[in-house]
Amino acid sequence: MRTRRLSPEEAAEESARERAGWLALYQGPDPDRAKRAADLTYNGARGLLTAHVMQNLKRLDELIDHMHARTQTKEHAIELLEFAAQEVYDQVKIISFFESWMKAILLARGYWIHGFEGKRLNPLRNAIKKRPQKIADVLSQGITAEEVSEYTIGMSTLLDPAYLEVIGLPIELTNMAFIINDDRGKIHLKHDLIMLQGKDIVNDLRKLKNYATSLINKMHEAQQAAKAQPTARL
């Protein structure tokens, strides 16, 4: 864990190392990219499950029932305010999960997930905004580490139809990603929306939580299966 703020020179050096590392990954074998993709998915899913709303979905469901039954107490109202207070933080974790998962799918399928630096790569910079670009096609341009952006493609790009066609998320999760990504479409744990849409919100979040949990479980199972494989003799 970093204990102090980096100087501009140190930050530049770290950025250069990261970009060089990513270029090496793009140039390396498919299994290395698959492992990085798995790490992206795992970290995004773990982060999602730490969101306040995800850890307390059952309680939120109960509080909504009290609202609909007109049995809400002052204590219930205070609990709902806590969900609302955590809304922005939870939204960041949900968006981060979608971004990590979608970029992981692209990476595992052989697509480039970073932006580009420098005028020379303007054609690629414009192209990647419109459709996914194969790693092999990008590397054929003789890209250097300095031309690899420290930033990856963003959520708006990932939600472009050309990207969604390649990524292939379940339609219910795609719809949820659009809603969450909308600046006006936060989780919206406000009184009026909870009264109208509360159960739908909880059901959608529960589906998302189940997907994330399933992804983590599958990765754990794959790790256990790999450990169980006998080591080949030299």
Protein backbone atom coordinates (compact mmCIF):
# COMPACT_ATOMS: atom_id res chain seq x y z
CA MET A 1 0.00 0.00 0.00
CA ARG A 2 1.30 3.45 -0.92
CA THR A 3 1.95 5.56 2.18
CA ARG A 4 2.91 8.85 0.55
CA ARG A 5 2.01 10.91 -2.45
CA LEU A 6 4.27 10.39 -5.46
CA SER A 7 6.28 13.27 -6.84
CA PRO A 8 5.53 14.27 -10.47
CA GLU A 9 8.70 12.48 -11.57
CA GLU A 10 7.78 9.31 -9.67
CA ALA A 11 4.24 9.41 -11.01
CA ALA A 12 5.56 9.73 -14.56
CA GLU A 13 7.91 6.79 -14.04
CA GLU A 14 5.12 4.65 -12.61
CA SER A 15 2.84 5.55 -15.52
CA ALA A 16 5.58 4.62 -17.98
CA ARG A 17 6.07 1.26 -16.26
CA GLU A 18 2.35 0.52 -16.33
CA ARG A 19 2.05 1.37 -20.03
CA ALA A 20 5.10 -0.74 -20.85
CA GLY A 21 3.58 -3.56 -18.84
CA TRP A 22 0.31 -3.37 -20.73
CA LEU A 23 2.08 -3.32 -24.09
CA ALA A 24 4.06 -6.40 -23.05
CA LEU A 25 0.79 -8.07 -22.08
CA TYR A 26 -0.76 -7.24 -25.45
CA GLN A 27 2.31 -8.62 -27.19
CA GLY A 28 2.44 -11.73 -25.00
CA PRO A 29 0.64 -15.08 -25.16
CA ASP A 30 -3.12 -15.47 -24.88
CA PRO A 31 -3.02 -17.23 -21.47
CA ASP A 32 -1.39 -14.17 -19.90
CA ARG A 33 -4.19 -11.94 -21.17
CA ALA A 34 -6.78 -14.46 -20.00
CA LYS A 35 -5.29 -14.34 -16.51
CA ARG A 36 -5.37 -10.53 -16.46
CA ALA A 37 -8.96 -10.62 -17.68
CA ALA A 38 -9.86 -12.98 -14.84
CA ASP A 39 -8.19 -10.64 -12.36
CA LEU A 40 -10.17 -7.68 -13.72
CA THR A 41 -13.42 -9.59 -13.40
CA TYR A 42 -12.63 -10.88 -9.91
CA ASN A 43 -11.62 -7.48 -8.55
CA GLY A 44 -14.66 -5.79 -10.06
CA ALA A 45 -17.01 -8.42 -8.66
CA ARG A 46 -15.43 -8.31 -5.21
CA GLY A 47 -15.73 -4.53 -5.19
CA LEU A 48 -19.39 -4.73 -6.16
CA LEU A 49 -20.18 -7.09 -3.31
CA THR A 50 -18.73 -4.59 -0.80
CA ALA A 51 -21.33 -1.97 -1.78
CA HIS A 52 -23.63 -1.08 1.13
CA VAL A 53 -26.77 -1.79 -0.86
CA MET A 54 -25.48 -5.20 -1.97
CA GLN A 55 -24.59 -6.22 1.58
CA ASN A 56 -27.99 -5.14 2.88
CA LEU A 57 -30.43 -6.03 0.08
CA LYS A 58 -32.61 -8.17 2.34
CA ARG A 59 -32.98 -5.30 4.81
CA LEU A 60 -33.77 -2.83 2.02
CA ASP A 61 -36.48 -5.19 0.80
CA GLU A 62 -37.97 -5.32 4.31
CA LEU A 63 -37.91 -1.53 4.62
CA ILE A 64 -39.73 -1.17 1.30
CA ASP A 65 -42.37 -3.61 2.54
CA HIS A 66 -42.91 -1.39 5.59
CA MET A 67 -43.35 1.64 3.33
CA HIS A 68 -45.94 -0.10 1.18
CA ALA A 69 -47.77 -1.44 4.22
CA ARG A 70 -47.76 2.01 5.88
CA THR A 71 -45.99 0.51 8.90
CA GLN A 72 -42.82 2.53 8.56
CA THR A 73 -41.37 3.87 11.81
CA LYS A 74 -38.90 6.67 12.42
CA GLU A 75 -36.14 4.08 12.77
CA HIS A 76 -37.07 2.61 9.39
CA ALA A 77 -36.86 6.03 7.79
CA ILE A 78 -33.41 6.58 9.28
CA GLU A 79 -32.25 3.25 7.86
CA LEU A 80 -33.46 4.27 4.40
CA LEU A 81 -31.55 7.53 4.71
CA GLU A 82 -28.39 5.49 5.28
CA PHE A 83 -28.97 3.70 1.97
CA ALA A 84 -29.43 7.06 0.28
CA ALA A 85 -26.27 8.43 1.92
CA GLN A 86 -24.25 5.53 0.47
CA GLU A 87 -25.82 5.83 -2.97
CA VAL A 88 -22.99 7.64 -4.75
CA TYR A 89 -20.34 5.28 -3.38
CA ASP A 90 -22.44 2.26 -4.30
CA GLN A 91 -23.00 3.56 -7.82
CA VAL A 92 -19.25 3.90 -8.34
CA LYS A 93 -18.74 0.27 -7.30
CA ILE A 94 -21.53 -0.92 -9.59
CA ILE A 95 -20.19 1.00 -12.59
CA SER A 96 -16.66 -0.20 -11.81
CA PHE A 97 -17.92 -3.78 -11.88
CA PHE A 98 -19.55 -3.34 -15.26
CA GLU A 99 -16.48 -1.61 -16.69
CA SER A 100 -14.07 -4.22 -15.34
CA TRP A 101 -16.19 -7.15 -16.47
CA MET A 102 -16.86 -5.79 -19.96
CA LYS A 103 -13.22 -4.87 -20.55
CA ALA A 104 -12.17 -8.28 -19.25
CA ILE A 105 -14.39 -9.97 -21.82
CA LEU A 106 -12.89 -7.85 -24.59
CA LEU A 107 -9.33 -8.54 -23.45
CA ALA A 108 -9.92 -12.28 -23.19
CA ARG A 109 -11.34 -12.28 -26.72
CA GLY A 110 -8.32 -10.53 -28.16
CA TYR A 111 -9.43 -6.90 -28.22
CA TRP A 112 -7.52 -3.75 -27.26
CA ILE A 113 -8.94 -1.88 -24.23
CA HIS A 114 -6.68 1.20 -23.97
CA GLY A 115 -6.73 4.59 -25.61
CA PHE A 116 -3.84 6.03 -27.63
CA GLU A 117 -1.40 8.90 -27.29
CA GLY A 118 0.08 11.01 -30.08
CA LYS A 119 -1.19 12.29 -33.43
CA ARG A 120 0.21 9.34 -35.37
CA LEU A 121 -2.48 7.07 -33.99
CA ASN A 122 -5.41 9.44 -34.55
CA PRO A 123 -7.00 6.97 -37.00
CA LEU A 124 -6.90 4.23 -34.35
CA ARG A 125 -8.12 6.65 -31.68
CA ASN A 126 -11.17 7.43 -33.80
CA ALA A 127 -11.72 3.82 -34.82
CA ILE A 128 -11.75 2.43 -31.28
CA LYS A 129 -14.54 4.83 -30.35
CA LYS A 130 -16.74 3.24 -33.01
CA ARG A 131 -15.95 -0.46 -32.75
CA PRO A 132 -13.64 -2.86 -30.88
CA GLN A 133 -10.14 -3.16 -32.32
CA LYS A 134 -8.27 -6.47 -32.47
CA ILE A 135 -4.98 -6.49 -30.56
CA ALA A 136 -3.18 -7.89 -33.60
CA ASP A 137 -4.40 -5.01 -35.77
CA VAL A 138 -3.21 -2.42 -33.25
CA LEU A 139 0.18 -4.07 -32.84
CA SER A 140 0.60 -4.12 -36.61
CA GLN A 141 0.85 -0.31 -36.43
CA GLY A 142 4.13 -0.63 -34.52
CA ILE A 143 2.72 0.99 -31.38
CA THR A 144 5.20 1.90 -28.64
CA ALA A 145 4.69 2.01 -24.88
CA GLU A 146 4.63 5.82 -25.04
CA GLU A 147 1.66 5.62 -27.42
CA VAL A 148 -0.39 3.45 -25.05
CA SER A 149 -2.71 5.70 -23.05
CA GLU A 150 -2.77 5.26 -19.29
CA TYR A 151 -6.57 5.35 -19.61
CA THR A 152 -8.76 2.50 -20.79
CA ILE A 153 -11.93 2.86 -22.83
CA GLY A 154 -14.88 4.20 -20.84
CA MET A 155 -18.38 3.04 -20.08
CA SER A 156 -20.04 5.11 -22.81
CA THR A 157 -17.85 3.42 -25.41
CA LEU A 158 -18.46 -0.02 -23.90
CA LEU A 159 -22.21 0.55 -24.22
CA ASP A 160 -21.98 1.29 -27.94
CA PRO A 161 -23.93 -1.31 -29.96
CA ALA A 162 -20.76 -2.43 -31.77
CA TYR A 163 -19.12 -3.19 -28.43
CA LEU A 164 -22.18 -4.82 -26.90
CA GLU A 165 -22.37 -7.18 -29.86
CA VAL A 166 -18.86 -8.45 -29.10
CA ILE A 167 -19.21 -8.45 -25.30
CA GLY A 168 -22.55 -10.23 -25.28
CA LEU A 169 -23.87 -9.40 -21.81
CA PRO A 170 -27.31 -10.79 -20.90
CA ILE A 171 -29.94 -8.26 -22.00
CA GLU A 172 -31.16 -7.63 -18.45
CA LEU A 173 -27.64 -6.66 -17.36
CA THR A 174 -27.15 -4.53 -20.46
CA ASN A 175 -30.29 -2.58 -19.63
CA MET A 176 -29.11 -2.16 -16.05
CA ALA A 177 -25.73 -0.89 -17.23
CA PHE A 178 -27.43 1.78 -19.35
CA ILE A 179 -29.52 2.93 -16.39
CA ILE A 180 -26.63 3.02 -13.93
CA ASN A 181 -24.40 4.85 -16.41
CA ASP A 182 -26.98 7.57 -16.94
CA ASP A 183 -26.11 10.62 -14.81
CA ARG A 184 -29.77 10.87 -13.86
CA GLY A 185 -30.11 7.13 -13.36
CA LYS A 186 -28.42 6.53 -10.05
CA ILE A 187 -29.72 3.83 -7.77
CA HIS A 188 -32.22 6.46 -6.62
CA LEU A 189 -33.13 5.32 -3.14
CA LYS A 190 -35.46 8.27 -2.72
CA HIS A 191 -38.88 8.03 -1.05
CA ASP A 192 -41.03 8.62 -4.14
CA LEU A 193 -39.10 6.25 -6.39
CA ILE A 194 -38.93 3.58 -3.72
CA MET A 195 -42.71 3.69 -3.46
CA LEU A 196 -43.06 3.27 -7.24
CA GLN A 197 -40.06 1.15 -8.21
CA GLY A 198 -38.56 -0.16 -4.98
CA LYS A 199 -39.21 -3.85 -5.62
CA ASP A 200 -37.92 -3.59 -9.18
CA ILE A 201 -34.74 -1.89 -7.93
CA VAL A 202 -34.14 -4.61 -5.35
CA ASN A 203 -34.82 -7.39 -7.86
CA ASP A 204 -32.40 -5.89 -10.39
CA LEU A 205 -29.69 -5.45 -7.78
CA ARG A 206 -30.24 -9.00 -6.54
CA LYS A 207 -29.76 -10.34 -10.08
CA LEU A 208 -26.57 -8.31 -10.41
CA LYS A 209 -25.31 -9.59 -7.07
CA ASN A 210 -26.04 -13.16 -8.11
CA TYR A 211 -24.13 -12.71 -11.36
CA ALA A 212 -21.12 -11.28 -9.53
CA THR A 213 -21.20 -14.08 -6.97
CA SER A 214 -21.47 -16.66 -9.75
CA LEU A 215 -18.44 -15.19 -11.53
CA ILE A 216 -16.36 -15.37 -8.35
CA ASN A 217 -17.47 -18.95 -7.67
CA LYS A 218 -16.61 -20.04 -11.21
CA MET A 219 -13.13 -18.54 -10.88
CA HIS A 220 -12.59 -20.31 -7.56
CA GLU A 221 -13.72 -23.59 -9.14
CA ALA A 222 -11.36 -23.07 -12.08
CA GLN A 223 -8.48 -22.41 -9.69
CA GLN A 224 -9.22 -25.57 -7.72
CA ALA A 225 -9.48 -27.60 -10.91
CA ALA A 226 -6.13 -26.25 -12.10
CA LYS A 227 -4.50 -27.18 -8.79
CA ALA A 228 -5.90 -30.69 -9.05
CA GLN A 229 -4.29 -31.28 -12.45
CA PRO A 230 -1.26 -33.60 -12.20
CA THR A 231 2.08 -31.97 -12.93
CA ALA A 232 3.65 -33.25 -16.13
CA ARG A 233 7.01 -34.95 -15.75
CA LEU A 234 9.96 -33.39 -17.53
